Amino acid sequence: MTLTQIFTGFSQAKEQLTATEAESKQFKLCLDQILKDIDEWTPAIQRQREDYEAAVQTIDSPTGNNDEALRELETARAKPDGARRRLRIVQHERDRLAAQTADLAMQFCVPLKKVREARGGFVATPRYELELDTLSAGRLIAQRLVTFRDKEGLQARNQELLSVVRELSAAREELNTQRSWLRPVDN
């Protein structure tokens, strides 16, 4: 290699080094500007992050309260349903006891009427006996199946009632069997 070639190579290397240094300096300035921007934006970003976390907590708190309110609402809705159910049961029991009391009163009145007639006293005909044309099922049951004149009459009525109960039970079992056949089978 000649000295001119070495000098030419040196000049080219120096130019490349100068260009590389200028490029490096330019990159360093850009990097410094980016770091400066990051330093400037860091507090703002930190504030935004804190605001975001506070907003999430603010949203989560009402959401939790909303869930709790929904649970309380369901509980409050269940209370009247339970009360209505209990009310229907109590009303049914009240009606059953009222009918039973009326039946017992009728059972007591028939022998009492017989005793009064035996003593020769005046016995007024009860209103229900005068209304035979307008008999309801309940009255028919009360007059025919509940009243009795003596022990044999009571035993006969009990036999009639037992046969009716057996017939109704058999009919109900048959109905339930038919319903089970008609009900679709779930797989």
C-alpha atoms as a PDB file:
ATOM      1  CA  MET A   1       0.000   0.000   0.000  1.00  0.00           C
ATOM      2  CA  THR A   2       1.135   3.422  -0.772  1.00  0.00           C
ATOM      3  CA  LEU A   3       1.032   6.379   1.376  1.00  0.00           C
ATOM      4  CA  THR A   4      -1.684   7.961  -0.768  1.00  0.00           C
ATOM      5  CA  GLN A   5      -3.866   4.914  -0.381  1.00  0.00           C
ATOM      6  CA  ILE A   6      -3.310   4.906   3.345  1.00  0.00           C
ATOM      7  CA  PHE A   7      -4.135   8.599   3.507  1.00  0.00           C
ATOM      8  CA  THR A   8      -7.232   8.099   1.354  1.00  0.00           C
ATOM      9  CA  GLY A   9      -8.340   5.205   3.606  1.00  0.00           C
ATOM     10  CA  PHE A  10      -7.653   7.322   6.669  1.00  0.00           C
ATOM     11  CA  SER A  11      -9.696  10.218   5.225  1.00  0.00           C
ATOM     12  CA  GLN A  12     -12.592   7.918   4.429  1.00  0.00           C
ATOM     13  CA  ALA A  13     -12.461   6.351   7.888  1.00  0.00           C
ATOM     14  CA  LYS A  14     -12.333   9.805   9.463  1.00  0.00           C
ATOM     15  CA  GLU A  15     -15.355  10.918   7.415  1.00  0.00           C
ATOM     16  CA  GLN A  16     -17.229   7.775   8.408  1.00  0.00           C
ATOM     17  CA  LEU A  17     -16.277   8.327  12.035  1.00  0.00           C
ATOM     18  CA  THR A  18     -17.427  11.937  11.853  1.00  0.00           C
ATOM     19  CA  ALA A  19     -20.710  10.864  10.227  1.00  0.00           C
ATOM     20  CA  THR A  20     -21.167   8.110  12.807  1.00  0.00           C
ATOM     21  CA  GLU A  21     -20.397  10.551  15.646  1.00  0.00           C
ATOM     22  CA  ALA A  22     -22.884  13.058  14.190  1.00  0.00           C
ATOM     23  CA  GLU A  23     -25.478  10.295  13.876  1.00  0.00           C
ATOM     24  CA  SER A  24     -24.703   9.131  17.406  1.00  0.00           C
ATOM     25  CA  LYS A  25     -24.989  12.699  18.659  1.00  0.00           C
ATOM     26  CA  GLN A  26     -28.338  13.019  16.838  1.00  0.00           C
ATOM     27  CA  PHE A  27     -29.552   9.732  18.414  1.00  0.00           C
ATOM     28  CA  LYS A  28     -28.342  10.932  21.807  1.00  0.00           C
ATOM     29  CA  LEU A  29     -30.268  14.207  21.394  1.00  0.00           C
ATOM     30  CA  CYS A  30     -33.402  12.254  20.407  1.00  0.00           C
ATOM     31  CA  LEU A  31     -32.919   9.874  23.325  1.00  0.00           C
ATOM     32  CA  ASP A  32     -32.397  12.816  25.706  1.00  0.00           C
ATOM     33  CA  GLN A  33     -35.556  14.439  24.353  1.00  0.00           C
ATOM     34  CA  ILE A  34     -37.488  11.165  24.843  1.00  0.00           C
ATOM     35  CA  LEU A  35     -36.160  10.829  28.410  1.00  0.00           C
ATOM     36  CA  LYS A  36     -37.044  14.466  29.080  1.00  0.00           C
ATOM     37  CA  ASP A  37     -40.568  13.877  27.744  1.00  0.00           C
ATOM     38  CA  ILE A  38     -40.870  10.736  29.884  1.00  0.00           C
ATOM     39  CA  ASP A  39     -39.710  12.666  32.948  1.00  0.00           C
ATOM     40  CA  GLU A  40     -42.237  15.398  32.179  1.00  0.00           C
ATOM     41  CA  TRP A  41     -45.079  12.939  31.583  1.00  0.00           C
ATOM     42  CA  THR A  42     -44.317  10.586  34.476  1.00  0.00           C
ATOM     43  CA  PRO A  43     -46.176  12.645  37.123  1.00  0.00           C
ATOM     44  CA  ALA A  44     -49.139  13.136  34.776  1.00  0.00           C
ATOM     45  CA  ILE A  45     -49.226   9.417  33.952  1.00  0.00           C
ATOM     46  CA  GLN A  46     -48.890   8.588  37.653  1.00  0.00           C
ATOM     47  CA  ARG A  47     -51.813  10.936  38.423  1.00  0.00           C
ATOM     48  CA  GLN A  48     -53.865   9.340  35.660  1.00  0.00           C
ATOM     49  CA  ARG A  49     -53.080   5.894  37.050  1.00  0.00           C
ATOM     50  CA  GLU A  50     -54.095   6.981  40.551  1.00  0.00           C
ATOM     51  CA  ASP A  51     -57.267   8.570  39.140  1.00  0.00           C
ATOM     52  CA  TYR A  52     -58.019   5.350  37.253  1.00  0.00           C
ATOM     53  CA  GLU A  53     -57.533   3.222  40.381  1.00  0.00           C
ATOM     54  CA  ALA A  54     -59.721   5.614  42.383  1.00  0.00           C
ATOM     55  CA  ALA A  55     -62.386   5.460  39.654  1.00  0.00           C
ATOM     56  CA  VAL A  56     -62.260   1.654  39.661  1.00  0.00           C
ATOM     57  CA  GLN A  57     -62.698   1.638  43.437  1.00  0.00           C
ATOM     58  CA  THR A  58     -65.516   4.170  43.124  1.00  0.00           C
ATOM     59  CA  ILE A  59     -67.233   1.929  40.584  1.00  0.00           C
ATOM     60  CA  ASP A  60     -66.580  -1.253  42.571  1.00  0.00           C
ATOM     61  CA  SER A  61     -68.087   0.215  45.737  1.00  0.00           C
ATOM     62  CA  PRO A  62     -71.524   0.974  44.206  1.00  0.00           C
ATOM     63  CA  THR A  63     -71.402  -2.317  42.327  1.00  0.00           C
ATOM     64  CA  GLY A  64     -70.901  -4.136  45.625  1.00  0.00           C
ATOM     65  CA  ASN A  65     -73.633  -2.023  47.193  1.00  0.00           C
ATOM     66  CA  ASN A  66     -75.852  -2.778  44.204  1.00  0.00           C
ATOM     67  CA  ASP A  67     -75.244  -6.520  44.598  1.00  0.00           C
ATOM     68  CA  GLU A  68     -76.036  -6.270  48.301  1.00  0.00           C
ATOM     69  CA  ALA A  69     -79.180  -4.267  47.546  1.00  0.00           C
ATOM     70  CA  LEU A  70     -80.261  -6.918  45.024  1.00  0.00           C
ATOM     71  CA  ARG A  71     -79.784  -9.651  47.639  1.00  0.00           C
ATOM     72  CA  GLU A  72     -81.824  -7.619  50.140  1.00  0.00           C
ATOM     73  CA  LEU A  73     -84.512  -7.087  47.493  1.00  0.00           C
ATOM     74  CA  GLU A  74     -84.708 -10.827  46.806  1.00  0.00           C
ATOM     75  CA  THR A  75     -84.964 -11.469  50.544  1.00  0.00           C
ATOM     76  CA  ALA A  76     -87.676  -8.823  50.847  1.00  0.00           C
ATOM     77  CA  ARG A  77     -89.566 -10.351  47.916  1.00  0.00           C
ATOM     78  CA  ALA A  78     -89.310 -13.817  49.447  1.00  0.00           C
ATOM     79  CA  LYS A  79     -90.803 -12.643  52.759  1.00  0.00           C
ATOM     80  CA  PRO A  80     -94.227 -11.691  51.334  1.00  0.00           C
ATOM     81  CA  ASP A  81     -94.300 -14.898  49.289  1.00  0.00           C
ATOM     82  CA  GLY A  82     -93.653 -16.905  52.439  1.00  0.00           C
ATOM     83  CA  ALA A  83     -96.216 -14.856  54.328  1.00  0.00           C
ATOM     84  CA  ARG A  84     -98.799 -15.420  51.574  1.00  0.00           C
ATOM     85  CA  ARG A  85     -98.057 -19.134  51.626  1.00  0.00           C
ATOM     86  CA  ARG A  86     -98.432 -19.234  55.417  1.00  0.00           C
ATOM     87  CA  LEU A  87    -101.619 -17.147  55.152  1.00  0.00           C
ATOM     88  CA  ARG A  88    -103.136 -19.629  52.670  1.00  0.00           C
ATOM     89  CA  ILE A  89    -102.209 -22.514  54.970  1.00  0.00           C
ATOM     90  CA  VAL A  90    -103.689 -20.742  58.007  1.00  0.00           C
ATOM     91  CA  GLN A  91    -106.855 -19.813  56.072  1.00  0.00           C
ATOM     92  CA  HIS A  92    -107.235 -23.385  54.877  1.00  0.00           C
ATOM     93  CA  GLU A  93    -106.765 -24.637  58.451  1.00  0.00           C
ATOM     94  CA  ARG A  94    -109.263 -22.019  59.710  1.00  0.00           C
ATOM     95  CA  ASP A  95    -111.837 -23.110  57.114  1.00  0.00           C
ATOM     96  CA  ARG A  96    -111.239 -26.760  57.973  1.00  0.00           C
ATOM     97  CA  LEU A  97    -111.669 -26.067  61.691  1.00  0.00           C
ATOM     98  CA  ALA A  98    -114.804 -23.975  61.048  1.00  0.00           C
ATOM     99  CA  ALA A  99    -116.319 -26.824  59.022  1.00  0.00           C
ATOM    100  CA  GLN A 100    -115.317 -29.287  61.726  1.00  0.00           C
ATOM    101  CA  THR A 101    -116.901 -27.065  64.381  1.00  0.00           C
ATOM    102  CA  ALA A 102    -120.094 -26.788  62.327  1.00  0.00           C
ATOM    103  CA  ASP A 103    -120.131 -30.569  61.898  1.00  0.00           C
ATOM    104  CA  LEU A 104    -119.681 -31.100  65.630  1.00  0.00           C
ATOM    105  CA  ALA A 105    -122.460 -28.598  66.329  1.00  0.00           C
ATOM    106  CA  MET A 106    -124.722 -30.463  63.908  1.00  0.00           C
ATOM    107  CA  GLN A 107    -123.814 -33.783  65.537  1.00  0.00           C
ATOM    108  CA  PHE A 108    -124.728 -32.306  68.881  1.00  0.00           C
ATOM    109  CA  CYS A 109    -127.964 -30.679  67.656  1.00  0.00           C
ATOM    110  CA  VAL A 110    -129.529 -33.846  66.223  1.00  0.00           C
ATOM    111  CA  PRO A 111    -129.389 -35.865  69.495  1.00  0.00           C
ATOM    112  CA  LEU A 112    -130.405 -32.724  71.410  1.00  0.00           C
ATOM    113  CA  LYS A 113    -133.434 -32.325  69.121  1.00  0.00           C
ATOM    114  CA  LYS A 114    -134.311 -35.974  69.689  1.00  0.00           C
ATOM    115  CA  VAL A 115    -134.089 -35.493  73.484  1.00  0.00           C
ATOM    116  CA  ARG A 116    -136.315 -32.396  73.319  1.00  0.00           C
ATOM    117  CA  GLU A 117    -138.847 -34.237  71.187  1.00  0.00           C
ATOM    118  CA  ALA A 118    -138.804 -37.138  73.675  1.00  0.00           C
ATOM    119  CA  ARG A 119    -139.515 -34.716  76.515  1.00  0.00           C
ATOM    120  CA  GLY A 120    -142.431 -33.342  74.561  1.00  0.00           C
ATOM    121  CA  GLY A 121    -141.025 -29.872  74.062  1.00  0.00           C
ATOM    122  CA  PHE A 122    -141.386 -27.710  70.966  1.00  0.00           C
ATOM    123  CA  VAL A 123    -138.520 -28.108  68.540  1.00  0.00           C
ATOM    124  CA  ALA A 124    -138.095 -25.496  65.833  1.00  0.00           C
ATOM    125  CA  THR A 125    -137.119 -26.814  62.436  1.00  0.00           C
ATOM    126  CA  PRO A 126    -133.648 -25.540  61.602  1.00  0.00           C
ATOM    127  CA  ARG A 127    -133.411 -23.275  58.604  1.00  0.00           C
ATOM    128  CA  TYR A 128    -131.119 -25.663  56.715  1.00  0.00           C
ATOM    129  CA  GLU A 129    -133.833 -28.326  56.773  1.00  0.00           C
ATOM    130  CA  LEU A 130    -136.253 -25.876  55.162  1.00  0.00           C
ATOM    131  CA  GLU A 131    -133.861 -25.165  52.283  1.00  0.00           C
ATOM    132  CA  LEU A 132    -133.658 -28.681  50.876  1.00  0.00           C
ATOM    133  CA  ASP A 133    -134.159 -27.374  47.328  1.00  0.00           C
ATOM    134  CA  THR A 134    -130.993 -25.269  47.494  1.00  0.00           C
ATOM    135  CA  LEU A 135    -128.591 -27.832  48.868  1.00  0.00           C
ATOM    136  CA  SER A 136    -124.918 -27.337  48.242  1.00  0.00           C
ATOM    137  CA  ALA A 137    -122.433 -30.164  48.418  1.00  0.00           C
ATOM    138  CA  GLY A 138    -121.240 -28.919  51.802  1.00  0.00           C
ATOM    139  CA  ARG A 139    -124.756 -28.882  53.221  1.00  0.00           C
ATOM    140  CA  LEU A 140    -125.538 -32.280  51.805  1.00  0.00           C
ATOM    141  CA  ILE A 141    -122.393 -33.658  53.434  1.00  0.00           C
ATOM    142  CA  ALA A 142    -123.247 -31.919  56.699  1.00  0.00           C
ATOM    143  CA  GLN A 143    -126.824 -33.221  56.709  1.00  0.00           C
ATOM    144  CA  ARG A 144    -126.326 -36.730  55.355  1.00  0.00           C
ATOM    145  CA  LEU A 145    -122.858 -37.776  56.451  1.00  0.00           C
ATOM    146  CA  VAL A 146    -122.164 -35.797  59.606  1.00  0.00           C
ATOM    147  CA  THR A 147    -125.381 -36.111  61.583  1.00  0.00           C
ATOM    148  CA  PHE A 148    -126.460 -39.280  63.311  1.00  0.00           C
ATOM    149  CA  ARG A 149    -129.324 -40.293  65.566  1.00  0.00           C
ATOM    150  CA  ASP A 150    -127.696 -43.070  67.579  1.00  0.00           C
ATOM    151  CA  LYS A 151    -124.588 -45.226  67.801  1.00  0.00           C
ATOM    152  CA  GLU A 152    -125.661 -47.491  64.952  1.00  0.00           C
ATOM    153  CA  GLY A 153    -126.309 -44.455  62.778  1.00  0.00           C
ATOM    154  CA  LEU A 154    -122.824 -43.154  63.572  1.00  0.00           C
ATOM    155  CA  GLN A 155    -121.262 -46.499  62.663  1.00  0.00           C
ATOM    156  CA  ALA A 156    -123.210 -46.633  59.402  1.00  0.00           C
ATOM    157  CA  ARG A 157    -122.097 -43.084  58.535  1.00  0.00           C
ATOM    158  CA  ASN A 158    -118.490 -44.002  59.311  1.00  0.00           C
ATOM    159  CA  GLN A 159    -118.729 -46.981  56.951  1.00  0.00           C
ATOM    160  CA  GLU A 160    -120.178 -44.756  54.224  1.00  0.00           C
ATOM    161  CA  LEU A 161    -117.428 -42.197  54.740  1.00  0.00           C
ATOM    162  CA  LEU A 162    -114.716 -44.867  54.657  1.00  0.00           C
ATOM    163  CA  SER A 163    -116.029 -46.242  51.380  1.00  0.00           C
ATOM    164  CA  VAL A 164    -116.137 -42.731  49.879  1.00  0.00           C
ATOM    165  CA  VAL A 165    -112.565 -42.069  51.041  1.00  0.00           C
ATOM    166  CA  ARG A 166    -111.388 -45.357  49.533  1.00  0.00           C
ATOM    167  CA  GLU A 167    -113.094 -44.592  46.216  1.00  0.00           C
ATOM    168  CA  LEU A 168    -111.598 -41.107  46.102  1.00  0.00           C
ATOM    169  CA  SER A 169    -108.131 -42.427  47.004  1.00  0.00           C
ATOM    170  CA  ALA A 170    -108.313 -45.042  44.244  1.00  0.00           C
ATOM    171  CA  ALA A 171    -109.451 -42.410  41.740  1.00  0.00           C
ATOM    172  CA  ARG A 172    -106.607 -40.112  42.763  1.00  0.00           C
ATOM    173  CA  GLU A 173    -104.015 -42.887  42.447  1.00  0.00           C
ATOM    174  CA  GLU A 174    -105.355 -43.723  38.993  1.00  0.00           C
ATOM    175  CA  LEU A 175    -105.200 -40.054  38.001  1.00  0.00           C
ATOM    176  CA  ASN A 176    -101.600 -39.777  39.251  1.00  0.00           C
ATOM    177  CA  THR A 177    -100.670 -42.921  37.322  1.00  0.00           C
ATOM    178  CA  GLN A 178    -102.202 -41.479  34.159  1.00  0.00           C
ATOM    179  CA  ARG A 179    -100.348 -38.191  34.677  1.00  0.00           C
ATOM    180  CA  SER A 180     -97.039 -40.019  35.103  1.00  0.00           C
ATOM    181  CA  TRP A 181     -97.646 -41.830  31.793  1.00  0.00           C
ATOM    182  CA  LEU A 182     -98.470 -38.569  30.046  1.00  0.00           C
ATOM    183  CA  ARG A 183     -95.488 -36.672  31.448  1.00  0.00           C
ATOM    184  CA  PRO A 184     -92.536 -36.602  28.963  1.00  0.00           C
ATOM    185  CA  VAL A 185     -89.399 -38.407  30.053  1.00  0.00           C
ATOM    186  CA  ASP A 186     -86.302 -36.202  30.416  1.00  0.00           C
ATOM    187  CA  ASN A 187     -83.037 -37.810  29.315  1.00  0.00           C
END
